[in-house]
Amino acid sequence: MTDPIVQPPLSGLRVLELGQLIAGPFCGQLLGDFGAEVIKIEAPDRPDPARDWGAVKVNDESVFWAIIARNKKSMTLNLRLQKGQDILKRLISTADVLVENFRPGTLEKWGLGPEVLHQINPRLVITRVSGYGQTGPESHKPGYASVGEAKGGLRHLIGEPDRPPARAGVSLGDTMTGTFAALGTMMALYHREKSGHGQVGDAAIHES
């Protein structure tokens, strides 16, 4: 007698990923690793820079991209145009999770803020990743892992005492934030099972 095929724990979950580089896409990567269907959406004229990131290439393709984009489907969509926004809204109606790491206020500027998206799909979990969070005195600033690591004190702990702080060999600020974002997403999904309603998560590089 053979063991039954076990489906991944997040099989059947549909995730829309908006954003680029590391923190938001790392959240999508983790969800995809456990079986979620992750649809990565990029601007047609501004593809994710991670596609060509890093010094290590295989057949002229970035190894970093192969890692962070694994288990994902790709499509292009111009969210600056009404047609692109309308297509995203149709996708939202079928999605369980939206992960985005734009600068705070960007989705609202396009008429795609949580209030609008929850009218389309009240069960949608919206996970927002940024440098300093969606609110607060620094929320308008662009966020980078290197700055978050410095302001959060992590850089102070790395290196030798008689030298300036050193940079970690991997982007800890981004990957920690992506991990917390994935954890928050799962908590929101658990809450949805009891309440029937999606929540909005807020993961900040500085706080992470």
Protein backbone atom coordinates (compact mmCIF):
# COMPACT_ATOMS: atom_id res chain seq x y z
CA MET A 1 0.00 0.00 0.00
CA THR A 2 1.44 3.36 -1.02
CA ASP A 3 1.14 6.58 0.93
CA PRO A 4 -1.34 9.12 -0.50
CA ILE A 5 0.10 12.14 -2.24
CA VAL A 6 0.18 14.97 0.25
CA GLN A 7 -0.63 18.40 -1.15
CA PRO A 8 1.49 21.35 0.01
CA PRO A 9 -0.17 23.19 2.92
CA LEU A 10 -0.94 26.32 0.89
CA SER A 11 -2.17 24.49 -2.19
CA GLY A 12 -5.20 26.28 -3.65
CA LEU A 13 -4.18 29.68 -2.26
CA ARG A 14 -3.83 32.41 -4.90
CA VAL A 15 -1.36 35.23 -4.21
CA LEU A 16 -0.87 38.36 -6.32
CA GLU A 17 2.59 39.87 -5.92
CA LEU A 18 3.16 43.53 -6.75
CA GLY A 19 6.58 45.02 -6.20
CA GLN A 20 10.20 44.30 -6.87
CA LEU A 21 13.63 43.40 -5.52
CA ILE A 22 13.62 41.58 -2.20
CA ALA A 23 11.36 42.28 0.78
CA GLY A 24 7.92 41.87 -0.86
CA PRO A 25 9.01 39.21 -3.36
CA PHE A 26 10.71 37.23 -0.56
CA CYS A 27 7.32 37.05 1.17
CA GLY A 28 5.85 35.75 -2.10
CA GLN A 29 8.73 33.28 -2.42
CA LEU A 30 8.02 31.80 1.01
CA LEU A 31 4.30 31.43 0.27
CA GLY A 32 5.10 29.83 -3.08
CA ASP A 33 7.52 27.40 -1.43
CA PHE A 34 4.60 25.99 0.54
CA GLY A 35 2.32 25.53 -2.44
CA ALA A 36 0.55 28.84 -3.02
CA GLU A 37 -0.06 29.93 -6.59
CA VAL A 38 1.93 33.18 -6.79
CA ILE A 39 1.31 35.48 -9.76
CA LYS A 40 4.04 38.10 -10.00
CA ILE A 41 2.92 41.27 -11.76
CA GLU A 42 5.50 43.63 -13.27
CA ALA A 43 5.22 46.88 -15.20
CA PRO A 44 5.81 46.25 -18.92
CA ASP A 45 8.35 49.08 -19.14
CA ARG A 46 9.94 48.57 -15.72
CA PRO A 47 10.63 44.89 -15.04
CA ASP A 48 11.91 43.84 -11.65
CA PRO A 49 15.63 44.79 -11.43
CA ALA A 50 16.17 41.47 -9.66
CA ARG A 51 15.97 39.81 -13.09
CA ASP A 52 19.54 40.98 -13.68
CA TRP A 53 20.77 41.31 -10.12
CA GLY A 54 23.99 39.89 -8.73
CA ALA A 55 27.38 38.98 -10.09
CA VAL A 56 26.60 35.27 -10.40
CA LYS A 57 25.05 34.37 -13.74
CA VAL A 58 24.28 31.04 -15.41
CA ASN A 59 23.71 31.21 -19.18
CA ASP A 60 23.61 35.01 -18.77
CA GLU A 61 20.69 34.75 -16.35
CA SER A 62 20.75 35.93 -12.73
CA VAL A 63 20.96 33.15 -10.16
CA PHE A 64 19.37 35.52 -7.65
CA TRP A 65 16.32 35.86 -9.91
CA ALA A 66 16.00 32.10 -10.26
CA ILE A 67 15.79 31.88 -6.48
CA ILE A 68 13.43 34.71 -5.60
CA ALA A 69 11.12 34.09 -8.59
CA ARG A 70 10.86 30.34 -8.12
CA ASN A 71 7.40 28.80 -8.03
CA LYS A 72 5.90 32.00 -9.46
CA LYS A 73 3.96 32.82 -12.60
CA SER A 74 4.76 36.10 -14.34
CA MET A 75 2.64 38.66 -16.14
CA THR A 76 2.93 42.33 -17.05
CA LEU A 77 0.36 44.96 -16.21
CA ASN A 78 0.50 48.74 -16.47
CA LEU A 79 -1.20 49.89 -13.29
CA ARG A 80 -0.76 53.53 -14.30
CA LEU A 81 -3.47 53.01 -16.92
CA GLN A 82 -7.17 52.47 -16.28
CA LYS A 83 -7.14 49.29 -18.37
CA GLY A 84 -4.39 47.81 -16.23
CA GLN A 85 -6.21 48.76 -13.04
CA ASP A 86 -9.39 47.11 -14.32
CA ILE A 87 -7.51 43.90 -15.08
CA LEU A 88 -5.99 43.88 -11.60
CA LYS A 89 -9.45 44.31 -10.08
CA ARG A 90 -10.65 41.23 -11.95
CA LEU A 91 -7.66 39.30 -10.62
CA ILE A 92 -8.39 40.59 -7.12
CA SER A 93 -11.83 39.02 -7.26
CA THR A 94 -10.20 35.57 -7.54
CA ALA A 95 -7.27 36.11 -5.15
CA ASP A 96 -6.73 35.26 -1.50
CA VAL A 97 -3.70 37.48 -0.85
CA LEU A 98 -2.19 40.63 -2.33
CA VAL A 99 1.47 41.33 -1.45
CA GLU A 100 2.76 44.79 -2.38
CA ASN A 101 5.89 46.77 -1.56
CA PHE A 102 5.30 50.11 -3.23
CA ARG A 103 5.97 53.35 -1.43
CA PRO A 104 2.98 54.02 0.89
CA GLY A 105 0.17 55.81 -0.90
CA THR A 106 0.95 54.40 -4.34
CA LEU A 107 -2.00 52.00 -4.49
CA GLU A 108 -4.30 54.72 -3.19
CA LYS A 109 -3.05 57.09 -5.90
CA TRP A 110 -4.09 54.52 -8.51
CA GLY A 111 -7.49 54.05 -6.90
CA LEU A 112 -6.50 50.60 -5.64
CA GLY A 113 -6.37 51.15 -1.88
CA PRO A 114 -7.62 48.54 0.61
CA GLU A 115 -11.08 50.10 0.86
CA VAL A 116 -11.58 49.72 -2.90
CA LEU A 117 -10.10 46.21 -3.06
CA HIS A 118 -12.16 44.97 -0.11
CA GLN A 119 -15.31 46.14 -1.85
CA ILE A 120 -14.37 43.78 -4.69
CA ASN A 121 -13.22 40.93 -2.45
CA PRO A 122 -13.96 41.25 1.30
CA ARG A 123 -11.93 38.10 2.02
CA LEU A 124 -8.73 39.48 0.48
CA VAL A 125 -5.68 39.63 2.76
CA ILE A 126 -3.53 42.64 1.85
CA THR A 127 0.10 42.45 2.97
CA ARG A 128 1.93 45.77 2.66
CA VAL A 129 5.73 45.96 2.86
CA SER A 130 7.64 49.24 3.02
CA GLY A 131 10.63 50.95 4.57
CA TYR A 132 8.94 52.66 7.51
CA GLY A 133 5.37 51.38 7.51
CA GLN A 134 2.16 52.81 6.11
CA THR A 135 1.83 55.54 8.74
CA GLY A 136 4.15 57.71 10.79
CA PRO A 137 6.54 60.63 10.21
CA GLU A 138 8.90 58.68 7.92
CA SER A 139 6.35 56.61 6.01
CA HIS A 140 6.80 58.75 2.89
CA LYS A 141 10.49 57.89 2.58
CA PRO A 142 11.76 55.12 0.28
CA GLY A 143 12.94 52.10 2.23
CA TYR A 144 16.18 50.21 1.85
CA ALA A 145 17.44 47.28 3.88
CA SER A 146 20.83 48.92 4.46
CA VAL A 147 19.17 51.96 6.07
CA GLY A 148 16.80 49.83 8.12
CA GLU A 149 19.68 47.66 9.36
CA ALA A 150 21.60 50.79 10.41
CA LYS A 151 18.69 52.61 12.10
CA GLY A 152 17.50 49.42 13.78
CA GLY A 153 20.94 48.80 15.33
CA LEU A 154 21.84 45.63 13.44
CA ARG A 155 24.83 47.22 11.72
CA HIS A 156 26.18 48.26 15.13
CA LEU A 157 26.48 44.57 16.03
CA ILE A 158 28.40 43.54 12.91
CA GLY A 159 32.14 43.98 12.44
CA GLU A 160 35.12 44.77 14.69
CA PRO A 161 34.98 47.27 17.58
CA ASP A 162 37.81 49.41 16.20
CA ARG A 163 36.31 49.74 12.72
CA PRO A 164 33.16 51.17 11.15
CA PRO A 165 30.10 48.88 11.08
CA ALA A 166 30.20 46.20 8.38
CA ARG A 167 27.53 45.13 5.99
CA ALA A 168 26.08 41.63 6.30
CA GLY A 169 26.76 39.32 3.38
CA VAL A 170 23.03 38.90 2.72
CA SER A 171 20.19 41.40 2.82
CA LEU A 172 18.97 40.63 6.33
CA GLY A 173 16.73 43.68 6.51
CA ASP A 174 14.79 42.59 3.43
CA THR A 175 14.57 38.88 4.21
CA MET A 176 13.60 39.45 7.84
CA THR A 177 10.84 41.80 6.70
CA GLY A 178 9.66 39.33 4.07
CA THR A 179 9.57 36.59 6.69
CA PHE A 180 7.55 38.73 9.11
CA ALA A 181 5.24 39.66 6.21
CA ALA A 182 4.66 35.99 5.41
CA LEU A 183 3.98 35.25 9.09
CA GLY A 184 1.52 38.15 9.26
CA THR A 185 -0.15 36.88 6.08
CA MET A 186 -0.71 33.47 7.63
CA MET A 187 -2.14 35.04 10.81
CA ALA A 188 -4.54 37.10 8.69
CA LEU A 189 -5.58 34.00 6.75
CA TYR A 190 -6.26 32.18 10.03
CA HIS A 191 -8.32 35.16 11.22
CA ARG A 192 -10.24 35.09 7.93
CA GLU A 193 -11.23 31.48 8.53
CA LYS A 194 -13.00 32.56 11.71
CA SER A 195 -14.32 35.97 10.65
CA GLY A 196 -14.77 35.67 6.90
CA HIS A 197 -13.00 38.98 6.35
CA GLY A 198 -9.53 39.85 5.10
CA GLN A 199 -7.18 42.11 7.03
CA VAL A 200 -4.43 44.55 6.04
CA GLY A 201 -0.91 43.70 7.24
CA ASP A 202 1.88 46.28 7.57
CA ALA A 203 5.50 45.06 7.56
CA ALA A 204 8.27 47.69 7.80
CA ILE A 205 11.97 47.14 7.13
CA HIS A 206 12.94 49.59 9.87
CA GLU A 207 10.80 47.85 12.48
CA SER A 208 11.83 44.36 11.36
